[in-house]
N, C-alpha and C. Protein backbone atom coordinates (compact mmCIF):
# COMPACT_ATOMS: atom_id res chain seq x y z
N LYS A 1 126.26 25.83 116.73
CA LYS A 1 125.99 26.15 118.14
C LYS A 1 125.48 27.58 118.25
N ARG A 2 124.51 27.74 119.16
CA ARG A 2 123.96 29.07 119.37
C ARG A 2 124.93 29.91 120.21
N ASN A 3 125.12 31.15 119.78
CA ASN A 3 125.94 32.12 120.51
C ASN A 3 125.31 33.50 120.35
N GLY A 4 125.44 34.31 121.39
CA GLY A 4 124.92 35.67 121.34
C GLY A 4 123.46 35.76 121.74
N ILE A 5 122.86 36.91 121.47
CA ILE A 5 121.48 37.19 121.88
C ILE A 5 120.49 36.48 120.96
N TRP A 6 119.50 35.83 121.58
CA TRP A 6 118.43 35.16 120.86
C TRP A 6 117.10 35.69 121.36
N GLU A 7 116.11 35.78 120.44
CA GLU A 7 114.76 36.19 120.79
C GLU A 7 113.77 35.19 120.23
N PHE A 8 112.74 34.89 121.00
CA PHE A 8 111.67 33.99 120.59
C PHE A 8 110.36 34.74 120.74
N TYR A 9 109.35 34.41 119.88
CA TYR A 9 108.11 35.18 119.85
C TYR A 9 106.88 34.29 119.97
N HIS A 10 105.80 34.87 120.56
CA HIS A 10 104.49 34.23 120.59
C HIS A 10 103.90 34.27 119.18
N LYS A 11 102.84 33.47 118.95
CA LYS A 11 102.17 33.47 117.65
C LYS A 11 101.60 34.84 117.30
N ASN A 12 101.24 35.62 118.33
CA ASN A 12 100.64 36.94 118.08
C ASN A 12 101.69 38.01 117.78
N GLY A 13 102.97 37.60 117.73
CA GLY A 13 104.04 38.55 117.40
C GLY A 13 104.71 39.18 118.61
N GLN A 14 104.12 39.01 119.79
CA GLN A 14 104.73 39.56 121.02
C GLN A 14 105.98 38.76 121.38
N LEU A 15 106.94 39.45 121.95
CA LEU A 15 108.16 38.80 122.42
C LEU A 15 107.81 37.78 123.50
N TYR A 16 108.32 36.55 123.33
CA TYR A 16 108.10 35.48 124.31
C TYR A 16 109.29 35.38 125.27
N GLU A 17 110.50 35.36 124.70
CA GLU A 17 111.69 35.15 125.53
C GLU A 17 112.91 35.74 124.84
N LYS A 18 113.82 36.26 125.65
CA LYS A 18 115.08 36.75 125.09
C LYS A 18 116.21 36.54 126.08
N GLY A 19 117.40 36.29 125.53
CA GLY A 19 118.57 36.09 126.36
C GLY A 19 119.75 35.69 125.52
N SER A 20 120.86 35.39 126.16
CA SER A 20 122.11 35.08 125.46
C SER A 20 122.52 33.63 125.63
N TYR A 21 123.18 33.15 124.58
CA TYR A 21 123.79 31.83 124.59
C TYR A 21 125.30 31.98 124.49
N LEU A 22 126.01 31.05 125.10
CA LEU A 22 127.44 30.93 124.94
C LEU A 22 127.74 29.45 124.78
N ASN A 23 128.29 29.08 123.62
CA ASN A 23 128.55 27.67 123.32
C ASN A 23 127.30 26.80 123.50
N ASP A 24 126.18 27.30 122.99
CA ASP A 24 124.89 26.61 122.98
C ASP A 24 124.28 26.44 124.37
N LYS A 25 124.78 27.17 125.37
CA LYS A 25 124.21 27.13 126.72
C LYS A 25 123.74 28.52 127.11
N ARG A 26 122.60 28.59 127.79
CA ARG A 26 122.10 29.87 128.24
C ARG A 26 123.09 30.49 129.23
N ASN A 27 123.35 31.78 129.04
CA ASN A 27 124.26 32.52 129.91
C ASN A 27 123.75 33.95 130.07
N GLY A 28 123.86 34.47 131.28
CA GLY A 28 123.42 35.84 131.53
C GLY A 28 121.93 35.93 131.79
N ILE A 29 121.40 37.15 131.71
CA ILE A 29 120.01 37.41 132.05
C ILE A 29 119.07 36.95 130.93
N TRP A 30 118.02 36.23 131.33
CA TRP A 30 116.96 35.80 130.43
C TRP A 30 115.64 36.35 130.95
N GLU A 31 114.79 36.77 130.01
CA GLU A 31 113.46 37.28 130.35
C GLU A 31 112.41 36.54 129.53
N THR A 32 111.29 36.19 130.17
CA THR A 32 110.17 35.54 129.51
C THR A 32 108.93 36.43 129.71
N TYR A 33 108.07 36.51 128.66
CA TYR A 33 106.92 37.42 128.68
C TYR A 33 105.62 36.67 128.37
N TYR A 34 104.52 37.20 128.93
CA TYR A 34 103.18 36.72 128.57
C TYR A 34 102.82 37.25 127.18
N GLU A 35 101.76 36.69 126.60
CA GLU A 35 101.30 37.14 125.29
C GLU A 35 100.87 38.60 125.30
N ASN A 36 100.48 39.12 126.49
CA ASN A 36 100.07 40.53 126.58
C ASN A 36 101.26 41.48 126.73
N GLY A 37 102.49 40.92 126.70
CA GLY A 37 103.69 41.74 126.80
C GLY A 37 104.20 41.92 128.21
N GLN A 38 103.44 41.47 129.20
CA GLN A 38 103.84 41.59 130.62
C GLN A 38 104.98 40.61 130.93
N LEU A 39 105.97 41.05 131.68
CA LEU A 39 107.08 40.21 132.10
C LEU A 39 106.56 39.04 132.93
N ARG A 40 106.99 37.81 132.59
CA ARG A 40 106.57 36.60 133.29
C ARG A 40 107.62 36.14 134.30
N ARG A 41 108.88 36.14 133.89
CA ARG A 41 109.99 35.79 134.80
C ARG A 41 111.29 36.37 134.26
N LYS A 42 112.22 36.53 135.19
CA LYS A 42 113.51 37.12 134.84
C LYS A 42 114.56 36.55 135.78
N GLY A 43 115.71 36.16 135.20
CA GLY A 43 116.79 35.64 136.01
C GLY A 43 118.01 35.33 135.18
N SER A 44 119.05 34.86 135.85
CA SER A 44 120.33 34.62 135.18
C SER A 44 120.66 33.14 135.06
N TYR A 45 121.40 32.86 134.02
CA TYR A 45 121.96 31.52 133.79
C TYR A 45 123.47 31.61 133.81
N LEU A 46 124.09 30.52 134.23
CA LEU A 46 125.54 30.37 134.14
C LEU A 46 125.80 28.96 133.62
N ASN A 47 126.41 28.89 132.44
CA ASN A 47 126.68 27.59 131.80
C ASN A 47 125.43 26.72 131.67
N GLY A 48 124.30 27.36 131.31
CA GLY A 48 123.07 26.62 131.07
C GLY A 48 122.24 26.30 132.30
N LYS A 49 122.69 26.70 133.49
CA LYS A 49 121.96 26.44 134.73
C LYS A 49 121.53 27.75 135.36
N ARG A 50 120.32 27.73 135.94
CA ARG A 50 119.85 28.93 136.64
C ARG A 50 120.80 29.25 137.78
N ASN A 51 121.15 30.53 137.90
CA ASN A 51 122.09 30.96 138.92
C ASN A 51 121.76 32.39 139.33
N GLY A 52 121.70 32.64 140.63
CA GLY A 52 121.40 33.98 141.11
C GLY A 52 119.91 34.19 141.32
N VAL A 53 119.53 35.46 141.48
CA VAL A 53 118.14 35.81 141.81
C VAL A 53 117.22 35.63 140.61
N TRP A 54 116.06 35.02 140.86
CA TRP A 54 115.01 34.88 139.86
C TRP A 54 113.72 35.47 140.42
N GLU A 55 112.96 36.11 139.54
CA GLU A 55 111.66 36.66 139.92
C GLU A 55 110.63 36.23 138.90
N GLY A 56 109.43 35.90 139.38
CA GLY A 56 108.31 35.56 138.51
C GLY A 56 107.15 36.50 138.78
N TYR A 57 106.32 36.71 137.76
CA TYR A 57 105.21 37.66 137.87
C TYR A 57 103.94 37.05 137.32
N TYR A 58 102.80 37.47 137.89
CA TYR A 58 101.50 37.11 137.33
C TYR A 58 101.25 37.98 136.10
N SER A 59 100.27 37.60 135.29
CA SER A 59 99.95 38.36 134.08
C SER A 59 99.44 39.76 134.40
N ASN A 60 99.03 39.98 135.67
CA ASN A 60 98.59 41.32 136.08
C ASN A 60 99.76 42.20 136.54
N GLY A 61 101.00 41.65 136.48
CA GLY A 61 102.19 42.41 136.82
C GLY A 61 102.64 42.27 138.27
N LYS A 62 101.81 41.62 139.11
CA LYS A 62 102.20 41.46 140.52
C LYS A 62 103.22 40.33 140.66
N LEU A 63 104.10 40.49 141.64
CA LEU A 63 105.15 39.51 141.90
C LEU A 63 104.54 38.17 142.30
N SER A 64 105.01 37.08 141.68
CA SER A 64 104.56 35.73 141.96
C SER A 64 105.56 35.01 142.87
N TYR A 65 106.85 35.18 142.60
CA TYR A 65 107.89 34.56 143.43
C TYR A 65 109.20 35.31 143.28
N LYS A 66 110.06 35.10 144.26
CA LYS A 66 111.41 35.67 144.23
C LYS A 66 112.31 34.76 145.06
N GLY A 67 113.46 34.39 144.46
CA GLY A 67 114.40 33.55 145.17
C GLY A 67 115.66 33.34 144.34
N SER A 68 116.59 32.58 144.90
CA SER A 68 117.88 32.38 144.24
C SER A 68 118.13 30.93 143.87
N TYR A 69 118.92 30.78 142.83
CA TYR A 69 119.40 29.47 142.39
C TYR A 69 120.90 29.43 142.53
N LEU A 70 121.43 28.24 142.77
CA LEU A 70 122.86 28.01 142.76
C LEU A 70 123.08 26.72 141.98
N ASN A 71 123.77 26.82 140.86
CA ASN A 71 124.03 25.66 139.99
C ASN A 71 122.75 24.93 139.59
N GLY A 72 121.70 25.70 139.29
CA GLY A 72 120.45 25.13 138.81
C GLY A 72 119.50 24.64 139.88
N LYS A 73 119.86 24.77 141.16
CA LYS A 73 119.00 24.33 142.25
C LYS A 73 118.59 25.51 143.12
N MET A 74 117.32 25.48 143.57
CA MET A 74 116.84 26.53 144.47
C MET A 74 117.72 26.53 145.71
N ASN A 75 118.12 27.74 146.13
CA ASN A 75 119.02 27.86 147.27
C ASN A 75 118.76 29.18 147.98
N GLY A 76 118.69 29.15 149.31
CA GLY A 76 118.47 30.37 150.07
C GLY A 76 116.99 30.66 150.25
N ILE A 77 116.68 31.88 150.66
CA ILE A 77 115.31 32.27 150.98
C ILE A 77 114.48 32.47 149.71
N TRP A 78 113.28 31.89 149.72
CA TRP A 78 112.32 32.05 148.63
C TRP A 78 111.02 32.59 149.20
N GLU A 79 110.36 33.45 148.41
CA GLU A 79 109.05 33.97 148.77
C GLU A 79 108.12 33.79 147.57
N PHE A 80 106.90 33.35 147.86
CA PHE A 80 105.86 33.17 146.84
C PHE A 80 104.66 34.01 147.26
N TYR A 81 103.94 34.54 146.27
CA TYR A 81 102.84 35.47 146.55
C TYR A 81 101.55 35.04 145.87
N HIS A 82 100.42 35.36 146.53
CA HIS A 82 99.10 35.20 145.91
C HIS A 82 98.97 36.26 144.81
N ASP A 83 98.05 36.07 143.88
CA ASP A 83 97.88 37.04 142.79
C ASP A 83 97.30 38.37 143.26
N ASN A 84 96.87 38.43 144.53
CA ASN A 84 96.40 39.72 145.08
C ASN A 84 97.55 40.50 145.76
N GLY A 85 98.77 39.94 145.70
CA GLY A 85 99.93 40.62 146.26
C GLY A 85 100.29 40.18 147.67
N GLN A 86 99.40 39.44 148.34
CA GLN A 86 99.67 38.96 149.69
C GLN A 86 100.71 37.83 149.65
N LEU A 87 101.58 37.80 150.67
CA LEU A 87 102.56 36.72 150.79
C LEU A 87 101.83 35.39 150.92
N TRP A 88 102.24 34.39 150.13
CA TRP A 88 101.63 33.07 150.16
C TRP A 88 102.51 32.10 150.96
N GLU A 89 103.81 32.08 150.66
CA GLU A 89 104.70 31.11 151.29
C GLU A 89 106.12 31.66 151.34
N LYS A 90 106.82 31.36 152.44
CA LYS A 90 108.23 31.75 152.51
C LYS A 90 109.02 30.73 153.31
N GLY A 91 110.28 30.57 152.89
CA GLY A 91 111.16 29.64 153.56
C GLY A 91 112.46 29.52 152.77
N SER A 92 113.31 28.60 153.20
CA SER A 92 114.63 28.43 152.58
C SER A 92 114.77 27.09 151.89
N TYR A 93 115.60 27.11 150.86
CA TYR A 93 116.01 25.89 150.16
C TYR A 93 117.50 25.69 150.37
N LEU A 94 117.91 24.43 150.41
CA LEU A 94 119.32 24.08 150.44
C LEU A 94 119.50 22.98 149.39
N ASN A 95 120.25 23.28 148.35
CA ASN A 95 120.48 22.33 147.25
C ASN A 95 119.17 21.79 146.66
N GLY A 96 118.19 22.68 146.50
CA GLY A 96 116.93 22.30 145.86
C GLY A 96 115.90 21.67 146.77
N LYS A 97 116.20 21.52 148.06
CA LYS A 97 115.26 20.92 149.00
C LYS A 97 114.87 21.94 150.07
N LYS A 98 113.60 21.89 150.48
CA LYS A 98 113.14 22.79 151.55
C LYS A 98 113.91 22.47 152.82
N GLU A 99 114.29 23.53 153.54
CA GLU A 99 115.12 23.36 154.74
C GLU A 99 114.74 24.44 155.75
N GLY A 100 114.58 24.05 157.02
CA GLY A 100 114.27 25.02 158.07
C GLY A 100 112.79 25.39 158.12
N ILE A 101 112.49 26.50 158.76
CA ILE A 101 111.11 26.91 158.99
C ILE A 101 110.47 27.46 157.71
N TRP A 102 109.26 26.97 157.43
CA TRP A 102 108.45 27.45 156.31
C TRP A 102 107.11 27.92 156.85
N GLU A 103 106.61 28.99 156.26
CA GLU A 103 105.30 29.52 156.61
C GLU A 103 104.49 29.73 155.35
N THR A 104 103.20 29.40 155.42
CA THR A 104 102.27 29.64 154.32
C THR A 104 101.12 30.47 154.86
N TYR A 105 100.61 31.36 154.00
CA TYR A 105 99.55 32.28 154.41
C TYR A 105 98.34 32.17 153.51
N HIS A 106 97.15 32.39 154.10
CA HIS A 106 95.92 32.48 153.32
C HIS A 106 95.97 33.78 152.52
N ASP A 107 95.13 33.90 151.49
CA ASP A 107 95.15 35.12 150.67
C ASP A 107 94.64 36.35 151.42
N ASN A 108 94.10 36.14 152.64
CA ASN A 108 93.72 37.29 153.47
C ASN A 108 94.86 37.76 154.37
N GLY A 109 96.04 37.11 154.24
CA GLY A 109 97.22 37.50 155.01
C GLY A 109 97.41 36.75 156.31
N LYS A 110 96.43 35.95 156.72
CA LYS A 110 96.55 35.20 157.97
C LYS A 110 97.34 33.91 157.74
N LEU A 111 98.07 33.50 158.78
CA LEU A 111 98.91 32.31 158.72
C LEU A 111 98.07 31.07 158.40
N SER A 112 98.52 30.27 157.44
CA SER A 112 97.86 29.03 157.06
C SER A 112 98.55 27.82 157.71
N TYR A 113 99.87 27.76 157.60
CA TYR A 113 100.61 26.73 158.32
C TYR A 113 102.03 27.17 158.60
N LYS A 114 102.63 26.49 159.57
CA LYS A 114 104.01 26.78 159.96
C LYS A 114 104.64 25.48 160.42
N GLY A 115 105.87 25.23 159.93
CA GLY A 115 106.59 24.04 160.34
C GLY A 115 107.98 24.02 159.74
N SER A 116 108.74 22.99 160.06
CA SER A 116 110.13 22.88 159.61
C SER A 116 110.34 21.71 158.67
N TYR A 117 111.35 21.89 157.83
CA TYR A 117 111.80 20.84 156.93
C TYR A 117 113.25 20.49 157.27
N LEU A 118 113.58 19.22 157.06
CA LEU A 118 114.95 18.75 157.18
C LEU A 118 115.21 17.87 155.96
N ASN A 119 116.15 18.28 155.11
CA ASN A 119 116.44 17.55 153.86
C ASN A 119 115.20 17.36 153.00
N GLY A 120 114.33 18.38 152.96
CA GLY A 120 113.15 18.34 152.11
C GLY A 120 111.96 17.59 152.70
N LYS A 121 112.08 17.09 153.93
CA LYS A 121 110.99 16.36 154.57
C LYS A 121 110.50 17.12 155.80
N LYS A 122 109.19 17.07 156.04
CA LYS A 122 108.62 17.73 157.21
C LYS A 122 109.20 17.09 158.47
N GLU A 123 109.52 17.96 159.45
CA GLU A 123 110.17 17.49 160.67
C GLU A 123 109.74 18.36 161.84
N GLY A 124 109.41 17.73 162.99
CA GLY A 124 109.05 18.48 164.19
C GLY A 124 107.60 18.94 164.19
N ILE A 125 107.30 19.91 165.04
CA ILE A 125 105.93 20.42 165.24
C ILE A 125 105.45 21.20 164.01
N TRP A 126 104.24 20.88 163.56
CA TRP A 126 103.57 21.61 162.48
C TRP A 126 102.22 22.08 162.98
N GLU A 127 101.87 23.30 162.60
CA GLU A 127 100.57 23.87 162.94
C GLU A 127 99.90 24.39 161.68
N THR A 128 98.61 24.11 161.55
CA THR A 128 97.79 24.60 160.44
C THR A 128 96.67 25.44 161.02
N TYR A 129 96.31 26.51 160.29
CA TYR A 129 95.28 27.44 160.78
C TYR A 129 94.18 27.64 159.76
N HIS A 130 92.95 27.81 160.27
CA HIS A 130 91.82 28.19 159.43
C HIS A 130 92.04 29.63 158.96
N ASP A 131 91.32 30.05 157.91
CA ASP A 131 91.50 31.41 157.41
C ASP A 131 90.94 32.47 158.36
N ASN A 132 90.25 32.02 159.43
CA ASN A 132 89.81 32.97 160.46
C ASN A 132 90.87 33.16 161.55
N GLY A 133 92.03 32.48 161.39
CA GLY A 133 93.14 32.63 162.33
C GLY A 133 93.17 31.60 163.44
N LYS A 134 92.10 30.80 163.58
CA LYS A 134 92.07 29.79 164.64
C LYS A 134 92.80 28.52 164.22
N LEU A 135 93.39 27.85 165.20
CA LEU A 135 94.15 26.62 164.97
C LEU A 135 93.27 25.56 164.33
N SER A 136 93.78 24.93 163.27
CA SER A 136 93.06 23.89 162.56
C SER A 136 93.63 22.50 162.88
N GLU A 137 94.96 22.43 162.99
CA GLU A 137 95.61 21.14 163.19
C GLU A 137 96.98 21.35 163.81
N LYS A 138 97.37 20.41 164.67
CA LYS A 138 98.69 20.50 165.30
C LYS A 138 99.21 19.10 165.56
N GLY A 139 100.51 18.90 165.24
CA GLY A 139 101.13 17.61 165.49
C GLY A 139 102.57 17.62 165.04
N SER A 140 103.21 16.45 165.13
CA SER A 140 104.63 16.33 164.81
C SER A 140 104.88 15.41 163.63
N TYR A 141 105.98 15.72 162.94
CA TYR A 141 106.48 14.88 161.87
C TYR A 141 107.85 14.34 162.27
N LEU A 142 108.12 13.13 161.83
CA LEU A 142 109.43 12.53 161.99
C LEU A 142 109.80 11.93 160.64
N ASN A 143 110.86 12.45 160.04
CA ASN A 143 111.31 11.96 158.74
C ASN A 143 110.21 12.02 157.67
N GLY A 144 109.42 13.11 157.72
CA GLY A 144 108.39 13.33 156.72
C GLY A 144 107.07 12.62 156.98
N LYS A 145 106.95 11.88 158.07
CA LYS A 145 105.72 11.16 158.39
C LYS A 145 105.15 11.64 159.72
N ARG A 146 103.81 11.67 159.79
CA ARG A 146 103.16 12.06 161.04
C ARG A 146 103.54 11.07 162.13
N ASN A 147 103.87 11.61 163.30
CA ASN A 147 104.29 10.78 164.42
C ASN A 147 103.85 11.44 165.72
N GLY A 148 103.31 10.66 166.64
CA GLY A 148 102.88 11.20 167.93
C GLY A 148 101.46 11.72 167.88
N ILE A 149 101.09 12.50 168.89
CA ILE A 149 99.71 13.00 169.04
C ILE A 149 99.41 14.11 168.04
N TRP A 150 98.26 13.98 167.38
CA TRP A 150 97.75 15.00 166.46
C TRP A 150 96.36 15.42 166.91
N GLU A 151 96.11 16.72 166.78
CA GLU A 151 94.80 17.27 167.11
C GLU A 151 94.32 18.13 165.95
N THR A 152 93.02 18.00 165.61
CA THR A 152 92.40 18.88 164.63
C THR A 152 91.24 19.61 165.30
N TYR A 153 90.95 20.80 164.80
CA TYR A 153 89.95 21.66 165.43
C TYR A 153 88.93 22.19 164.42
N HIS A 154 87.70 22.35 164.87
CA HIS A 154 86.66 23.00 164.08
C HIS A 154 87.00 24.49 163.95
N GLU A 155 86.37 25.16 162.99
CA GLU A 155 86.62 26.60 162.79
C GLU A 155 86.25 27.44 164.01
N ASN A 156 85.37 26.92 164.86
CA ASN A 156 84.98 27.67 166.07
C ASN A 156 85.97 27.45 167.23
N GLY A 157 87.02 26.65 166.98
CA GLY A 157 88.04 26.43 167.99
C GLY A 157 87.85 25.16 168.80
N GLN A 158 86.70 24.50 168.68
CA GLN A 158 86.43 23.26 169.41
C GLN A 158 87.26 22.11 168.82
N LEU A 159 87.73 21.22 169.70
CA LEU A 159 88.46 20.03 169.26
C LEU A 159 87.58 19.18 168.36
N TRP A 160 88.11 18.75 167.21
CA TRP A 160 87.38 17.94 166.25
C TRP A 160 87.81 16.47 166.38
N GLU A 161 89.14 16.27 166.44
CA GLU A 161 89.67 14.91 166.45
C GLU A 161 91.01 14.90 167.17
N LYS A 162 91.28 13.78 167.88
CA LYS A 162 92.55 13.66 168.59
C LYS A 162 92.97 12.20 168.60
N GLY A 163 94.29 11.98 168.30
CA GLY A 163 94.81 10.63 168.33
C GLY A 163 96.29 10.62 167.98
N SER A 164 96.85 9.42 167.90
CA SER A 164 98.29 9.28 167.65
C SER A 164 98.58 8.64 166.30
N TYR A 165 99.75 9.03 165.78
CA TYR A 165 100.29 8.43 164.57
C TYR A 165 101.59 7.73 164.91
N LEU A 166 101.87 6.67 164.17
CA LEU A 166 103.15 5.99 164.26
C LEU A 166 103.60 5.73 162.83
N ASN A 167 104.71 6.34 162.43
CA ASN A 167 105.23 6.21 161.06
C ASN A 167 104.18 6.55 160.00
N GLY A 168 103.41 7.61 160.25
CA GLY A 168 102.44 8.10 159.28
C GLY A 168 101.10 7.38 159.29
N LYS A 169 100.90 6.41 160.18
CA LYS A 169 99.64 5.68 160.25
C LYS A 169 98.98 5.88 161.61
N ARG A 170 97.65 5.98 161.59
CA ARG A 170 96.92 6.13 162.85
C ARG A 170 97.18 4.90 163.72
N ASN A 171 97.41 5.16 165.01
CA ASN A 171 97.74 4.08 165.92
C ASN A 171 97.22 4.42 167.31
N GLY A 172 96.52 3.49 167.94
CA GLY A 172 96.01 3.73 169.28
C GLY A 172 94.62 4.35 169.26
N VAL A 173 94.24 4.91 170.41
CA VAL A 173 92.88 5.46 170.60
C VAL A 173 92.73 6.79 169.87
N TRP A 174 91.60 6.91 169.14
CA TRP A 174 91.23 8.16 168.46
C TRP A 174 89.84 8.56 168.93
N GLU A 175 89.67 9.86 169.11
CA GLU A 175 88.37 10.41 169.51
C GLU A 175 87.99 11.54 168.56
N GLY A 176 86.69 11.60 168.23
CA GLY A 176 86.18 12.67 167.39
C GLY A 176 85.08 13.42 168.13
N TYR A 177 84.95 14.71 167.83
CA TYR A 177 83.98 15.56 168.53
C TYR A 177 83.20 16.42 167.55
N TYR A 178 81.95 16.70 167.91
CA TYR A 178 81.14 17.65 167.14
C TYR A 178 81.61 19.06 167.47
N SER A 179 81.19 20.03 166.66
CA SER A 179 81.60 21.42 166.87
C SER A 179 81.05 22.01 168.18
N ASN A 180 80.07 21.31 168.78
CA ASN A 180 79.54 21.77 170.09
C ASN A 180 80.31 21.16 171.26
N GLY A 181 81.36 20.34 170.96
CA GLY A 181 82.20 19.76 172.00
C GLY A 181 81.78 18.37 172.44
N LYS A 182 80.64 17.88 171.97
CA LYS A 182 80.15 16.55 172.36
C LYS A 182 80.90 15.47 171.58
N LEU A 183 81.12 14.32 172.25
CA LEU A 183 81.82 13.19 171.65
C LEU A 183 81.06 12.64 170.45
N SER A 184 81.74 12.45 169.34
CA SER A 184 81.15 11.90 168.12
C SER A 184 81.50 10.41 167.98
N TYR A 185 82.75 10.05 168.27
CA TYR A 185 83.17 8.66 168.21
C TYR A 185 84.43 8.46 169.04
N LYS A 186 84.68 7.18 169.35
CA LYS A 186 85.92 6.80 170.05
C LYS A 186 86.24 5.37 169.62
N GLY A 187 87.50 5.15 169.20
CA GLY A 187 87.90 3.82 168.76
C GLY A 187 89.40 3.72 168.64
N SER A 188 89.88 2.50 168.29
CA SER A 188 91.32 2.27 168.21
C SER A 188 91.75 1.86 166.82
N TYR A 189 92.98 2.25 166.50
CA TYR A 189 93.65 1.88 165.26
C TYR A 189 94.91 1.10 165.61
N LEU A 190 95.26 0.18 164.70
CA LEU A 190 96.54 -0.51 164.80
C LEU A 190 97.16 -0.46 163.40
N ASN A 191 98.27 0.27 163.28
CA ASN A 191 98.93 0.47 161.98
C ASN A 191 97.99 0.98 160.90
N GLY A 192 97.14 1.95 161.26
CA GLY A 192 96.26 2.61 160.31
C GLY A 192 94.96 1.88 160.02
N LYS A 193 94.70 0.76 160.68
CA LYS A 193 93.46 0.00 160.42
C LYS A 193 92.62 -0.11 161.67
């Protein structure tokens, strides 16, 4: 059985990973590195499961993610970043599943989408935005499926499409519009057909 500090190496001789074992299970702080020697991720294990704060990095040294584990499952607030350093996504996990409000951002820093999760499934109002900051899509989820009225918009802010979903399938009257606001089509769906 493995016990004590262990080190693993890349083919080029650079340190790949180092950390401690106790009774053949990872315990304590572990670090993983890129072939260029840059830190890739760092965090703690308890009895072979990730536990506590973990951080990941891009090969350029910028932070990629930061969050906590509890008994090997993501738990609490997590933040993910674009390789340019801008915040990409943030929200909470509960027992490894997304929970509560989550926000995602374009690499220019503008909001990309915002919505809530319940037991890892999308729930309630969700909004998506173009990278110019204008609304792209808006609608509701119920138990992870689109439900109710949904609207999508062109980048210029004009309505593109509007209609209803029932259990994730298009249902009822749908209308589509050109970016100049003129009607493109109008028709009905029944259970997505």
